[in-house]
């Protein structure tokens, strides 16, 4: 849904505030929770990446961890 989610990732928190990248991370036990994703395959200073071919990338501000971009391919 444009302006709401990308690649299954919400673009805003439940209150409509900017999303913090750390709020997306979950554990395997959170698999049934659609708002949580297991540990990223790659972790960078300013991004989390899921998938060996970088299918989903969440880019965030390294200081505040606010999500700036979500790429889903």
PDB file of N, CA and C in Angstrom:
ATOM      1  N   UNK A   1       0.858  -1.171   0.000  1.00  0.00           N
ATOM      2  CA  UNK A   1       0.000   0.000   0.000  1.00  0.00           C
ATOM      3  C   UNK A   1       0.901   1.229   0.000  1.00  0.00           C
ATOM      4  N   UNK A   2       0.870   2.033  -1.034  1.00  0.00           N
ATOM      5  CA  UNK A   2       1.738   3.218  -1.086  1.00  0.00           C
ATOM      6  C   UNK A   2       1.546   4.118   0.135  1.00  0.00           C
ATOM      7  N   UNK A   3       2.615   4.667   0.599  1.00  0.00           N
ATOM      8  CA  UNK A   3       2.641   5.584   1.743  1.00  0.00           C
ATOM      9  C   UNK A   3       2.294   4.921   3.074  1.00  0.00           C
ATOM     10  N   UNK A   4       2.089   3.597   3.073  1.00  0.00           N
ATOM     11  CA  UNK A   4       1.777   2.895   4.312  1.00  0.00           C
ATOM     12  C   UNK A   4       2.785   1.787   4.568  1.00  0.00           C
ATOM     13  N   UNK A   5       3.142   1.034   3.517  1.00  0.00           N
ATOM     14  CA  UNK A   5       4.095  -0.063   3.691  1.00  0.00           C
ATOM     15  C   UNK A   5       4.854  -0.302   2.396  1.00  0.00           C
ATOM     16  N   UNK A   6       5.997  -0.984   2.533  1.00  0.00           N
ATOM     17  CA  UNK A   6       6.810  -1.365   1.371  1.00  0.00           C
ATOM     18  C   UNK A   6       7.476  -2.698   1.683  1.00  0.00           C
ATOM     19  N   UNK A   7       7.287  -3.669   0.819  1.00  0.00           N
ATOM     20  CA  UNK A   7       7.894  -4.973   1.038  1.00  0.00           C
ATOM     21  C   UNK A   7       7.453  -5.624   2.329  1.00  0.00           C
ATOM     22  N   UNK A   8       6.255  -5.281   2.784  1.00  0.00           N
ATOM     23  CA  UNK A   8       5.764  -5.825   4.040  1.00  0.00           C
ATOM     24  C   UNK A   8       6.198  -5.033   5.258  1.00  0.00           C
ATOM     25  N   UNK A   9       7.034  -4.036   5.079  1.00  0.00           N
ATOM     26  CA  UNK A   9       7.488  -3.201   6.183  1.00  0.00           C
ATOM     27  C   UNK A   9       6.567  -2.005   6.326  1.00  0.00           C
ATOM     28  N   UNK A  10       6.101  -1.730   7.539  1.00  0.00           N
ATOM     29  CA  UNK A  10       5.320  -0.511   7.740  1.00  0.00           C
ATOM     30  C   UNK A  10       6.236   0.698   7.586  1.00  0.00           C
ATOM     31  N   UNK A  11       5.712   1.771   7.054  1.00  0.00           N
ATOM     32  CA  UNK A  11       6.509   2.987   6.904  1.00  0.00           C
ATOM     33  C   UNK A  11       6.326   3.942   8.077  1.00  0.00           C
ATOM     34  N   UNK A  12       5.315   3.703   8.897  1.00  0.00           N
ATOM     35  CA  UNK A  12       5.027   4.548  10.061  1.00  0.00           C
ATOM     36  C   UNK A  12       4.732   3.632  11.239  1.00  0.00           C
ATOM     37  N   UNK A  13       4.952   4.125  12.460  1.00  0.00           N
ATOM     38  CA  UNK A  13       4.605   3.298  13.614  1.00  0.00           C
ATOM     39  C   UNK A  13       3.097   3.333  13.827  1.00  0.00           C
ATOM     40  N   UNK A  14       2.622   2.617  14.810  1.00  0.00           N
ATOM     41  CA  UNK A  14       1.176   2.493  15.017  1.00  0.00           C
ATOM     42  C   UNK A  14       0.505   3.818  15.379  1.00  0.00           C
ATOM     43  N   UNK A  15       1.271   4.813  15.818  1.00  0.00           N
ATOM     44  CA  UNK A  15       0.718   6.131  16.143  1.00  0.00           C
ATOM     45  C   UNK A  15       0.838   7.112  14.990  1.00  0.00           C
ATOM     46  N   UNK A  16       1.386   6.661  13.858  1.00  0.00           N
ATOM     47  CA  UNK A  16       1.570   7.546  12.716  1.00  0.00           C
ATOM     48  C   UNK A  16       2.858   8.341  12.774  1.00  0.00           C
ATOM     49  N   UNK A  17       3.711   8.033  13.743  1.00  0.00           N
ATOM     50  CA  UNK A  17       4.992   8.718  13.888  1.00  0.00           C
ATOM     51  C   UNK A  17       6.038   8.044  13.002  1.00  0.00           C
ATOM     52  N   UNK A  18       7.159   8.720  12.751  1.00  0.00           N
ATOM     53  CA  UNK A  18       8.230   8.111  11.962  1.00  0.00           C
ATOM     54  C   UNK A  18       8.691   6.795  12.588  1.00  0.00           C
ATOM     55  N   UNK A  19       9.010   5.851  11.743  1.00  0.00           N
ATOM     56  CA  UNK A  19       9.396   4.517  12.186  1.00  0.00           C
ATOM     57  C   UNK A  19      10.864   4.470  12.567  1.00  0.00           C
ATOM     58  N   UNK A  20      11.165   3.831  13.674  1.00  0.00           N
ATOM     59  CA  UNK A  20      12.538   3.608  14.118  1.00  0.00           C
ATOM     60  C   UNK A  20      12.932   2.209  13.645  1.00  0.00           C
ATOM     61  N   UNK A  21      14.072   2.098  12.978  1.00  0.00           N
ATOM     62  CA  UNK A  21      14.498   0.836  12.375  1.00  0.00           C
ATOM     63  C   UNK A  21      14.544  -0.305  13.381  1.00  0.00           C
ATOM     64  N   UNK A  22      14.958  -0.034  14.602  1.00  0.00           N
ATOM     65  CA  UNK A  22      15.064  -1.085  15.610  1.00  0.00           C
ATOM     66  C   UNK A  22      13.714  -1.713  15.941  1.00  0.00           C
ATOM     67  N   UNK A  23      12.620  -0.972  15.732  1.00  0.00           N
ATOM     68  CA  UNK A  23      11.284  -1.504  16.008  1.00  0.00           C
ATOM     69  C   UNK A  23      10.879  -2.594  15.027  1.00  0.00           C
ATOM     70  N   UNK A  24      11.571  -2.692  13.901  1.00  0.00           N
ATOM     71  CA  UNK A  24      11.259  -3.716  12.906  1.00  0.00           C
ATOM     72  C   UNK A  24      11.841  -5.072  13.265  1.00  0.00           C
ATOM     73  N   UNK A  25      12.882  -5.078  14.076  1.00  0.00           N
ATOM     74  CA  UNK A  25      13.600  -6.309  14.349  1.00  0.00           C
ATOM     75  C   UNK A  25      12.853  -7.184  15.338  1.00  0.00           C
ATOM     76  N   UNK A  26      12.837  -8.458  15.025  1.00  0.00           N
ATOM     77  CA  UNK A  26      12.208  -9.430  15.902  1.00  0.00           C
ATOM     78  C   UNK A  26      13.084 -10.661  16.019  1.00  0.00           C
ATOM     79  N   UNK A  27      12.552 -11.665  16.649  1.00  0.00           N
ATOM     80  CA  UNK A  27      13.227 -12.949  16.796  1.00  0.00           C
ATOM     81  C   UNK A  27      12.423 -13.975  16.013  1.00  0.00           C
ATOM     82  N   UNK A  28      12.976 -15.155  15.796  1.00  0.00           N
ATOM     83  CA  UNK A  28      12.198 -16.190  15.108  1.00  0.00           C
ATOM     84  C   UNK A  28      10.840 -16.444  15.762  1.00  0.00           C
ATOM     85  N   UNK A  29      10.735 -16.247  17.069  1.00  0.00           N
ATOM     86  CA  UNK A  29       9.457 -16.433  17.764  1.00  0.00           C
ATOM     87  C   UNK A  29       8.416 -15.410  17.324  1.00  0.00           C
ATOM     88  N   UNK A  30       8.864 -14.280  16.764  1.00  0.00           N
ATOM     89  CA  UNK A  30       7.954 -13.229  16.307  1.00  0.00           C
ATOM     90  C   UNK A  30       7.486 -13.459  14.872  1.00  0.00           C
ATOM     91  N   UNK A  31       7.762 -14.628  14.316  1.00  0.00           N
ATOM     92  CA  UNK A  31       7.481 -14.889  12.905  1.00  0.00           C
ATOM     93  C   UNK A  31       6.027 -14.602  12.534  1.00  0.00           C
ATOM     94  N   UNK A  32       5.096 -14.880  13.426  1.00  0.00           N
ATOM     95  CA  UNK A  32       3.683 -14.669  13.107  1.00  0.00           C
ATOM     96  C   UNK A  32       3.262 -13.206  13.229  1.00  0.00           C
ATOM     97  N   UNK A  33       4.121 -12.361  13.766  1.00  0.00           N
ATOM     98  CA  UNK A  33       3.809 -10.940  13.885  1.00  0.00           C
ATOM     99  C   UNK A  33       4.232 -10.240  12.599  1.00  0.00           C
ATOM    100  N   UNK A  34       3.276  -9.730  11.810  1.00  0.00           N
ATOM    101  CA  UNK A  34       3.629  -9.126  10.519  1.00  0.00           C
ATOM    102  C   UNK A  34       4.443  -7.842  10.626  1.00  0.00           C
ATOM    103  N   UNK A  35       4.528  -7.247  11.808  1.00  0.00           N
ATOM    104  CA  UNK A  35       5.292  -6.016  11.977  1.00  0.00           C
ATOM    105  C   UNK A  35       6.720  -6.259  12.438  1.00  0.00           C
ATOM    106  N   UNK A  36       7.096  -7.520  12.644  1.00  0.00           N
ATOM    107  CA  UNK A  36       8.449  -7.852  13.094  1.00  0.00           C
ATOM    108  C   UNK A  36       9.124  -8.751  12.069  1.00  0.00           C
ATOM    109  N   UNK A  37      10.405  -8.576  11.902  1.00  0.00           N
ATOM    110  CA  UNK A  37      11.175  -9.367  10.964  1.00  0.00           C
ATOM    111  C   UNK A  37      12.385  -9.935  11.690  1.00  0.00           C
ATOM    112  N   UNK A  38      12.714 -11.181  11.375  1.00  0.00           N
ATOM    113  CA  UNK A  38      13.849 -11.832  12.021  1.00  0.00           C
ATOM    114  C   UNK A  38      15.126 -11.062  11.713  1.00  0.00           C
ATOM    115  N   UNK A  39      16.169 -11.454  12.364  1.00  0.00           N
ATOM    116  CA  UNK A  39      17.437 -10.755  12.219  1.00  0.00           C
ATOM    117  C   UNK A  39      17.809 -10.558  10.747  1.00  0.00           C
ATOM    118  N   UNK A  40      18.311  -9.376  10.411  1.00  0.00           N
ATOM    119  CA  UNK A  40      18.702  -9.104   9.028  1.00  0.00           C
ATOM    120  C   UNK A  40      19.855 -10.011   8.599  1.00  0.00           C
ATOM    121  N   UNK A  41      19.930 -10.253   7.292  1.00  0.00           N
ATOM    122  CA  UNK A  41      21.047 -11.025   6.749  1.00  0.00           C
ATOM    123  C   UNK A  41      22.329 -10.203   6.760  1.00  0.00           C
ATOM    124  N   UNK A  42      22.187  -8.892   6.594  1.00  0.00           N
ATOM    125  CA  UNK A  42      23.337  -7.985   6.613  1.00  0.00           C
ATOM    126  C   UNK A  42      22.975  -6.773   7.458  1.00  0.00           C
ATOM    127  N   UNK A  43      23.920  -6.300   8.254  1.00  0.00           N
ATOM    128  CA  UNK A  43      23.722  -5.105   9.069  1.00  0.00           C
ATOM    129  C   UNK A  43      24.834  -4.129   8.737  1.00  0.00           C
ATOM    130  N   UNK A  44      24.444  -2.919   8.384  1.00  0.00           N
ATOM    131  CA  UNK A  44      25.400  -1.863   8.082  1.00  0.00           C
ATOM    132  C   UNK A  44      25.181  -0.727   9.070  1.00  0.00           C
ATOM    133  N   UNK A  45      26.057   0.247   9.065  1.00  0.00           N
ATOM    134  CA  UNK A  45      25.931   1.393   9.956  1.00  0.00           C
ATOM    135  C   UNK A  45      24.596   2.108   9.756  1.00  0.00           C
ATOM    136  N   UNK A  46      24.108   2.113   8.513  1.00  0.00           N
ATOM    137  CA  UNK A  46      22.886   2.850   8.208  1.00  0.00           C
ATOM    138  C   UNK A  46      21.838   2.022   7.481  1.00  0.00           C
ATOM    139  N   UNK A  47      21.917   0.692   7.556  1.00  0.00           N
ATOM    140  CA  UNK A  47      20.940  -0.124   6.838  1.00  0.00           C
ATOM    141  C   UNK A  47      20.838  -1.533   7.423  1.00  0.00           C
ATOM    142  N   UNK A  48      19.642  -2.099   7.282  1.00  0.00           N
ATOM    143  CA  UNK A  48      19.401  -3.513   7.527  1.00  0.00           C
ATOM    144  C   UNK A  48      18.998  -4.112   6.187  1.00  0.00           C
ATOM    145  N   UNK A  49      19.493  -5.309   5.890  1.00  0.00           N
ATOM    146  CA  UNK A  49      19.203  -5.946   4.596  1.00  0.00           C
ATOM    147  C   UNK A  49      18.712  -7.360   4.852  1.00  0.00           C
ATOM    148  N   UNK A  50      17.625  -7.721   4.171  1.00  0.00           N
ATOM    149  CA  UNK A  50      17.102  -9.079   4.234  1.00  0.00           C
ATOM    150  C   UNK A  50      17.193  -9.699   2.845  1.00  0.00           C
ATOM    151  N   UNK A  51      17.630 -10.944   2.786  1.00  0.00           N
ATOM    152  CA  UNK A  51      17.714 -11.680   1.531  1.00  0.00           C
ATOM    153  C   UNK A  51      19.111 -11.643   0.957  1.00  0.00           C
ATOM    154  N   UNK A  52      19.520 -12.772   0.414  1.00  0.00           N
ATOM    155  CA  UNK A  52      20.873 -12.866  -0.148  1.00  0.00           C
ATOM    156  C   UNK A  52      21.068 -11.971  -1.363  1.00  0.00           C
ATOM    157  N   UNK A  53      19.979 -11.618  -2.024  1.00  0.00           N
ATOM    158  CA  UNK A  53      20.062 -10.717  -3.185  1.00  0.00           C
ATOM    159  C   UNK A  53      19.575  -9.309  -2.841  1.00  0.00           C
ATOM    160  N   UNK A  54      19.591  -8.998  -1.533  1.00  0.00           N
ATOM    161  CA  UNK A  54      19.172  -7.670  -1.053  1.00  0.00           C
ATOM    162  C   UNK A  54      17.729  -7.371  -1.468  1.00  0.00           C
ATOM    163  N   UNK A  55      16.843  -8.349  -1.259  1.00  0.00           N
ATOM    164  CA  UNK A  55      15.444  -8.178  -1.660  1.00  0.00           C
ATOM    165  C   UNK A  55      14.749  -7.051  -0.905  1.00  0.00           C
ATOM    166  N   UNK A  56      15.079  -6.878   0.370  1.00  0.00           N
ATOM    167  CA  UNK A  56      14.498  -5.795   1.159  1.00  0.00           C
ATOM    168  C   UNK A  56      15.624  -5.076   1.886  1.00  0.00           C
ATOM    169  N   UNK A  57      15.654  -3.751   1.730  1.00  0.00           N
ATOM    170  CA  UNK A  57      16.682  -2.926   2.371  1.00  0.00           C
ATOM    171  C   UNK A  57      15.981  -1.793   3.117  1.00  0.00           C
ATOM    172  N   UNK A  58      16.318  -1.632   4.380  1.00  0.00           N
ATOM    173  CA  UNK A  58      15.802  -0.522   5.180  1.00  0.00           C
ATOM    174  C   UNK A  58      16.987   0.382   5.502  1.00  0.00           C
ATOM    175  N   UNK A  59      16.940   1.601   4.990  1.00  0.00           N
ATOM    176  CA  UNK A  59      18.007   2.572   5.221  1.00  0.00           C
ATOM    177  C   UNK A  59      17.521   3.558   6.279  1.00  0.00           C
ATOM    178  N   UNK A  60      18.371   3.803   7.272  1.00  0.00           N
ATOM    179  CA  UNK A  60      17.974   4.675   8.370  1.00  0.00           C
ATOM    180  C   UNK A  60      19.099   5.632   8.716  1.00  0.00           C
ATOM    181  N   UNK A  61      18.749   6.683   9.436  1.00  0.00           N
ATOM    182  CA  UNK A  61      19.735   7.647   9.918  1.00  0.00           C
ATOM    183  C   UNK A  61      20.580   6.950  10.978  1.00  0.00           C
ATOM    184  N   UNK A  62      21.919   6.944  10.847  1.00  0.00           N
ATOM    185  CA  UNK A  62      22.755   6.221  11.806  1.00  0.00           C
ATOM    186  C   UNK A  62      22.712   6.788  13.227  1.00  0.00           C
ATOM    187  N   UNK A  63      22.338   8.035  13.383  1.00  0.00           N
ATOM    188  CA  UNK A  63      22.285   8.630  14.721  1.00  0.00           C
ATOM    189  C   UNK A  63      20.940   8.399  15.409  1.00  0.00           C
ATOM    190  N   UNK A  64      19.852   8.646  14.697  1.00  0.00           N
ATOM    191  CA  UNK A  64      18.520   8.543  15.303  1.00  0.00           C
ATOM    192  C   UNK A  64      17.844   7.204  15.039  1.00  0.00           C
ATOM    193  N   UNK A  65      18.307   6.467  14.039  1.00  0.00           N
ATOM    194  CA  UNK A  65      17.731   5.198  13.577  1.00  0.00           C
ATOM    195  C   UNK A  65      16.339   5.366  12.976  1.00  0.00           C
ATOM    196  N   UNK A  66      15.945   6.600  12.651  1.00  0.00           N
ATOM    197  CA  UNK A  66      14.680   6.812  11.951  1.00  0.00           C
ATOM    198  C   UNK A  66      14.810   6.297  10.516  1.00  0.00           C
ATOM    199  N   UNK A  67      13.805   5.547  10.074  1.00  0.00           N
ATOM    200  CA  UNK A  67      13.830   4.979   8.725  1.00  0.00           C
ATOM    201  C   UNK A  67      13.704   6.104   7.707  1.00  0.00           C
ATOM    202  N   UNK A  68      14.619   6.111   6.725  1.00  0.00           N
ATOM    203  CA  UNK A  68      14.606   7.116   5.673  1.00  0.00           C
ATOM    204  C   UNK A  68      14.132   6.544   4.348  1.00  0.00           C
ATOM    205  N   UNK A  69      14.450   5.269   4.087  1.00  0.00           N
ATOM    206  CA  UNK A  69      14.054   4.645   2.834  1.00  0.00           C
ATOM    207  C   UNK A  69      13.818   3.158   3.054  1.00  0.00           C
ATOM    208  N   UNK A  70      12.897   2.601   2.282  1.00  0.00           N
ATOM    209  CA  UNK A  70      12.681   1.154   2.248  1.00  0.00           C
ATOM    210  C   UNK A  70      12.697   0.738   0.788  1.00  0.00           C
ATOM    211  N   UNK A  71      13.562  -0.207   0.473  1.00  0.00           N
ATOM    212  CA  UNK A  71      13.636  -0.740  -0.891  1.00  0.00           C
ATOM    213  C   UNK A  71      13.128  -2.164  -0.866  1.00  0.00           C
ATOM    214  N   UNK A  72      12.235  -2.503  -1.735  1.00  0.00           N
ATOM    215  CA  UNK A  72      11.734  -3.874  -1.847  1.00  0.00           C
ATOM    216  C   UNK A  72      11.816  -4.297  -3.309  1.00  0.00           C
ATOM    217  N   UNK A  73      12.499  -5.405  -3.546  1.00  0.00           N
ATOM    218  CA  UNK A  73      12.657  -5.820  -4.930  1.00  0.00           C
ATOM    219  C   UNK A  73      12.354  -7.261  -5.152  1.00  0.00           C
TER     220      UNK A  73
END
